[in-house]
Amino acid sequence: MNKRYVIFISSDAWYSEVIKFVESIRDESKGFVPSHCGMDVSGHFREALSSGFVETNIDLYDKNQVRIFELDVTDGFVQAGDTEFNKVWDRPYGWHALLNGANY
């Protein structure tokens, strides 16, 4: 078994504020509302940004806006995840990528 960490982030970006607002209507507890997600793989934070699917540094985010969940996964899961991530590495991500999706 391997350890992987799924990381949920709640930021102050405009789209995050929209997600928080909509979620507050649905759930009045107004707790932690994530608007972004990534995964730590061997010390590398993999996420999808408007610039594409990239590896960045989790320290770029405010620690108060981050929740980390540990998963035990099999070797097959790790290999499948790496394969899928490598397929989208450096590809565009976001609404503009969806509009141009047929080109990929």
C-alpha atoms as a PDB file:
ATOM      1  CA  MET A   1       0.000   0.000   0.000  1.00  0.00           C
ATOM      2  CA  ASN A   2       1.048   3.561  -0.740  1.00  0.00           C
ATOM      3  CA  LYS A   3       0.026   6.844   0.875  1.00  0.00           C
ATOM      4  CA  ARG A   4      -1.462   9.614  -1.230  1.00  0.00           C
ATOM      5  CA  TYR A   5      -2.876  12.899  -0.002  1.00  0.00           C
ATOM      6  CA  VAL A   6      -5.927  14.567  -1.523  1.00  0.00           C
ATOM      7  CA  ILE A   7      -5.862  18.268  -0.763  1.00  0.00           C
ATOM      8  CA  PHE A   8      -8.941  20.502  -0.746  1.00  0.00           C
ATOM      9  CA  ILE A   9      -8.504  24.277  -0.865  1.00  0.00           C
ATOM     10  CA  SER A  10     -10.876  27.133  -0.098  1.00  0.00           C
ATOM     11  CA  SER A  11      -9.510  30.318  -1.630  1.00  0.00           C
ATOM     12  CA  ASP A  12     -10.610  33.944  -1.839  1.00  0.00           C
ATOM     13  CA  ALA A  13     -10.749  34.026  -5.648  1.00  0.00           C
ATOM     14  CA  TRP A  14     -14.011  35.289  -7.171  1.00  0.00           C
ATOM     15  CA  TYR A  15     -15.059  31.839  -8.374  1.00  0.00           C
ATOM     16  CA  SER A  16     -14.424  30.444  -4.895  1.00  0.00           C
ATOM     17  CA  GLU A  17     -16.654  33.118  -3.400  1.00  0.00           C
ATOM     18  CA  VAL A  18     -19.421  32.141  -5.838  1.00  0.00           C
ATOM     19  CA  ILE A  19     -19.054  28.476  -4.853  1.00  0.00           C
ATOM     20  CA  LYS A  20     -19.147  29.419  -1.146  1.00  0.00           C
ATOM     21  CA  PHE A  21     -22.275  31.531  -1.662  1.00  0.00           C
ATOM     22  CA  VAL A  22     -24.138  28.797  -3.520  1.00  0.00           C
ATOM     23  CA  GLU A  23     -23.035  26.214  -0.971  1.00  0.00           C
ATOM     24  CA  SER A  24     -24.193  28.431   1.930  1.00  0.00           C
ATOM     25  CA  ILE A  25     -27.704  28.420   0.447  1.00  0.00           C
ATOM     26  CA  ARG A  26     -27.660  24.630   0.311  1.00  0.00           C
ATOM     27  CA  ASP A  27     -25.929  24.076   3.656  1.00  0.00           C
ATOM     28  CA  GLU A  28     -26.390  26.620   6.414  1.00  0.00           C
ATOM     29  CA  SER A  29     -23.485  25.291   8.511  1.00  0.00           C
ATOM     30  CA  LYS A  30     -21.144  27.610   6.554  1.00  0.00           C
ATOM     31  CA  GLY A  31     -18.122  25.481   7.368  1.00  0.00           C
ATOM     32  CA  PHE A  32     -15.094  24.837   5.197  1.00  0.00           C
ATOM     33  CA  VAL A  33     -16.173  25.003   1.537  1.00  0.00           C
ATOM     34  CA  PRO A  34     -13.513  23.793  -0.896  1.00  0.00           C
ATOM     35  CA  SER A  35     -13.361  25.269  -4.364  1.00  0.00           C
ATOM     36  CA  HIS A  36     -10.218  23.588  -5.591  1.00  0.00           C
ATOM     37  CA  CYS A  37      -8.616  20.188  -5.238  1.00  0.00           C
ATOM     38  CA  GLY A  38      -5.278  18.598  -5.939  1.00  0.00           C
ATOM     39  CA  MET A  39      -3.142  15.671  -4.899  1.00  0.00           C
ATOM     40  CA  ASP A  40       0.267  15.401  -3.297  1.00  0.00           C
ATOM     41  CA  VAL A  41       2.374  12.800  -5.067  1.00  0.00           C
ATOM     42  CA  SER A  42       5.796  12.167  -3.528  1.00  0.00           C
ATOM     43  CA  GLY A  43       6.075  15.750  -2.325  1.00  0.00           C
ATOM     44  CA  HIS A  44       4.778  17.249  -5.566  1.00  0.00           C
ATOM     45  CA  PHE A  45       1.398  19.005  -5.494  1.00  0.00           C
ATOM     46  CA  ARG A  46      -0.482  18.187  -8.688  1.00  0.00           C
ATOM     47  CA  GLU A  47      -3.397  20.418  -9.588  1.00  0.00           C
ATOM     48  CA  ALA A  48      -5.303  21.933 -12.471  1.00  0.00           C
ATOM     49  CA  LEU A  49      -4.905  25.693 -12.844  1.00  0.00           C
ATOM     50  CA  SER A  50      -6.068  27.992 -15.604  1.00  0.00           C
ATOM     51  CA  SER A  51      -2.569  27.550 -17.049  1.00  0.00           C
ATOM     52  CA  GLY A  52      -3.110  23.786 -17.277  1.00  0.00           C
ATOM     53  CA  PHE A  53      -2.419  20.605 -15.319  1.00  0.00           C
ATOM     54  CA  VAL A  54       0.768  21.306 -13.401  1.00  0.00           C
ATOM     55  CA  GLU A  55       2.883  20.470 -10.382  1.00  0.00           C
ATOM     56  CA  THR A  56       3.097  23.400  -7.964  1.00  0.00           C
ATOM     57  CA  ASN A  57       3.974  24.012  -4.325  1.00  0.00           C
ATOM     58  CA  ILE A  58       1.226  23.545  -1.712  1.00  0.00           C
ATOM     59  CA  ASP A  59       2.932  26.245   0.372  1.00  0.00           C
ATOM     60  CA  LEU A  60       1.516  28.813  -2.072  1.00  0.00           C
ATOM     61  CA  TYR A  61      -1.824  28.380  -0.283  1.00  0.00           C
ATOM     62  CA  ASP A  62      -2.803  29.729   3.132  1.00  0.00           C
ATOM     63  CA  LYS A  63      -2.641  26.780   5.568  1.00  0.00           C
ATOM     64  CA  ASN A  64      -5.963  27.893   7.111  1.00  0.00           C
ATOM     65  CA  GLN A  65      -7.627  27.325   3.730  1.00  0.00           C
ATOM     66  CA  VAL A  66      -6.307  23.785   3.212  1.00  0.00           C
ATOM     67  CA  ARG A  67      -7.636  20.389   4.315  1.00  0.00           C
ATOM     68  CA  ILE A  68      -5.573  17.250   3.671  1.00  0.00           C
ATOM     69  CA  PHE A  69      -6.975  13.717   3.558  1.00  0.00           C
ATOM     70  CA  GLU A  70      -4.703  10.681   3.594  1.00  0.00           C
ATOM     71  CA  LEU A  71      -5.523   7.689   1.406  1.00  0.00           C
ATOM     72  CA  ASP A  72      -4.059   4.195   1.361  1.00  0.00           C
ATOM     73  CA  VAL A  73      -3.838   3.102  -2.265  1.00  0.00           C
ATOM     74  CA  THR A  74      -2.507   0.136  -4.188  1.00  0.00           C
ATOM     75  CA  ASP A  75       0.405   0.158  -6.628  1.00  0.00           C
ATOM     76  CA  GLY A  76      -2.119  -0.219  -9.460  1.00  0.00           C
ATOM     77  CA  PHE A  77      -3.944   2.916  -8.337  1.00  0.00           C
ATOM     78  CA  VAL A  78      -0.688   4.871  -8.258  1.00  0.00           C
ATOM     79  CA  GLN A  79       0.323   3.666 -11.734  1.00  0.00           C
ATOM     80  CA  ALA A  80      -3.123   4.450 -13.168  1.00  0.00           C
ATOM     81  CA  GLY A  81      -3.072   7.912 -11.588  1.00  0.00           C
ATOM     82  CA  ASP A  82       0.394   8.658 -12.949  1.00  0.00           C
ATOM     83  CA  THR A  83      -0.648   7.475 -16.420  1.00  0.00           C
ATOM     84  CA  GLU A  84      -3.730   9.697 -16.450  1.00  0.00           C
ATOM     85  CA  PHE A  85      -1.864  12.725 -15.086  1.00  0.00           C
ATOM     86  CA  ASN A  86       0.846  12.345 -17.729  1.00  0.00           C
ATOM     87  CA  LYS A  87      -1.856  12.346 -20.438  1.00  0.00           C
ATOM     88  CA  VAL A  88      -3.016  15.826 -19.380  1.00  0.00           C
ATOM     89  CA  TRP A  89       0.324  17.274 -18.258  1.00  0.00           C
ATOM     90  CA  ASP A  90       0.660  20.869 -19.527  1.00  0.00           C
ATOM     91  CA  ARG A  91      -2.685  20.725 -21.329  1.00  0.00           C
ATOM     92  CA  PRO A  92      -4.987  23.740 -21.018  1.00  0.00           C
ATOM     93  CA  TYR A  93      -7.634  23.668 -18.295  1.00  0.00           C
ATOM     94  CA  GLY A  94     -10.666  25.858 -17.635  1.00  0.00           C
ATOM     95  CA  TRP A  95     -13.641  27.176 -19.571  1.00  0.00           C
ATOM     96  CA  HIS A  96     -11.520  28.141 -22.602  1.00  0.00           C
ATOM     97  CA  ALA A  97     -10.130  24.611 -22.772  1.00  0.00           C
ATOM     98  CA  LEU A  98     -13.670  23.222 -22.710  1.00  0.00           C
ATOM     99  CA  LEU A  99     -14.629  25.405 -25.659  1.00  0.00           C
ATOM    100  CA  ASN A 100     -11.581  24.209 -27.564  1.00  0.00           C
ATOM    101  CA  GLY A 101     -11.824  20.606 -26.358  1.00  0.00           C
ATOM    102  CA  ALA A 102     -12.396  19.157 -29.797  1.00  0.00           C
ATOM    103  CA  ASN A 103      -8.885  20.265 -30.752  1.00  0.00           C
ATOM    104  CA  TYR A 104      -7.229  17.941 -28.254  1.00  0.00           C
END
